[in-house]
Amino acid sequence: MGDVVTDLQSRRSIILGMDSRGNYQVIKARTPLAELDRYSTSLRSITQGRGNYTGRFTEYAPVPSDIQKKLADEYKKAENH
């Protein structure tokens, strides 16, 4: 569980809670969709193939200013090529 939570936090997740359901551990978190690229592969690696996740849209939220600047710079660079 700790490694999964650490991975989620590195993806700008907000951990909402942890729970047990039978033999399963459930982590509820809000993660920006842009950060979930290749998450399935990462989760399976961390959990030796046993982990699974489901997702659903909850809200739009502003992008942090440092990431916004990085995206704008990448866009400008790509536009000039």
Protein backbone atom coordinates (compact mmCIF):
# COMPACT_ATOMS: atom_id res chain seq x y z
CA MET A 1 0.00 0.00 0.00
CA GLY A 2 2.78 2.41 0.85
CA ASP A 3 4.44 2.10 -2.55
CA VAL A 4 1.11 2.64 -4.33
CA VAL A 5 0.37 5.75 -2.23
CA THR A 6 3.86 7.10 -2.92
CA ASP A 7 3.37 6.56 -6.66
CA LEU A 8 0.00 8.31 -6.55
CA GLN A 9 1.46 11.25 -4.65
CA SER A 10 4.19 11.60 -7.27
CA ARG A 11 1.33 11.97 -9.78
CA ARG A 12 -0.18 14.95 -7.91
CA SER A 13 -2.90 12.81 -6.33
CA ILE A 14 -4.95 13.82 -3.35
CA ILE A 15 -5.46 10.74 -1.20
CA LEU A 16 -9.06 10.74 0.07
CA GLY A 17 -8.91 7.56 2.11
CA MET A 18 -7.97 3.91 2.42
CA ASP A 19 -10.28 1.02 3.12
CA SER A 20 -10.46 -2.78 3.18
CA ARG A 21 -12.99 -4.75 1.16
CA GLY A 22 -12.64 -8.43 1.91
CA ASN A 23 -9.14 -9.46 0.83
CA TYR A 24 -8.62 -6.19 -1.05
CA GLN A 25 -7.17 -2.87 -0.02
CA VAL A 26 -8.82 0.17 -1.62
CA ILE A 27 -7.24 3.59 -1.99
CA LYS A 28 -9.51 6.48 -2.95
CA ALA A 29 -7.68 9.36 -4.56
CA ARG A 30 -8.18 12.25 -6.96
CA THR A 31 -5.53 12.35 -9.65
CA PRO A 32 -5.28 14.64 -12.69
CA LEU A 33 -6.04 12.69 -15.85
CA ALA A 34 -2.79 13.90 -17.42
CA GLU A 35 -0.87 12.11 -14.66
CA LEU A 36 -2.54 8.74 -15.28
CA ASP A 37 -0.66 8.05 -18.51
CA ARG A 38 0.78 4.52 -18.21
CA TYR A 39 -0.56 4.23 -14.64
CA SER A 40 -1.92 0.74 -15.22
CA THR A 41 1.56 -0.52 -16.08
CA SER A 42 3.09 1.19 -13.08
CA LEU A 43 0.41 -0.12 -10.70
CA ARG A 44 0.79 -3.68 -11.94
CA SER A 45 4.57 -3.43 -11.52
CA ILE A 46 4.29 -2.13 -7.96
CA THR A 47 1.71 -4.77 -6.97
CA GLN A 48 3.28 -7.77 -8.77
CA GLY A 49 0.35 -7.78 -11.22
CA ARG A 50 -2.41 -7.85 -8.62
CA GLY A 51 -3.38 -4.16 -8.59
CA ASN A 52 -6.28 -2.71 -10.51
CA TYR A 53 -7.83 0.72 -10.75
CA THR A 54 -10.98 2.38 -11.93
CA GLY A 55 -11.45 6.01 -12.75
CA ARG A 56 -14.20 8.50 -13.33
CA PHE A 57 -14.36 12.19 -14.05
CA THR A 58 -15.15 14.37 -11.04
CA GLU A 59 -14.20 17.96 -11.85
CA TYR A 60 -12.14 20.40 -13.84
CA ALA A 61 -9.44 22.12 -11.82
CA PRO A 62 -6.81 24.77 -12.57
CA VAL A 63 -3.36 23.54 -13.52
CA PRO A 64 -0.67 24.66 -11.05
CA SER A 65 1.26 27.67 -12.37
CA ASP A 66 4.61 25.87 -12.67
CA ILE A 67 3.08 23.12 -14.81
CA GLN A 68 1.10 25.69 -16.79
CA LYS A 69 4.33 27.52 -17.66
CA LYS A 70 6.05 24.27 -18.66
CA LEU A 71 3.14 23.33 -20.95
CA ALA A 72 3.08 26.77 -22.54
CA ASP A 73 6.85 26.64 -23.17
CA GLU A 74 6.57 23.18 -24.76
CA TYR A 75 3.72 24.39 -26.95
CA LYS A 76 5.70 27.42 -28.13
CA LYS A 77 8.72 25.24 -28.86
CA ALA A 78 6.62 22.77 -30.89
CA GLU A 79 4.88 25.61 -32.72
CA ASN A 80 8.23 27.02 -33.93
CA HIS A 81 9.35 23.68 -35.44
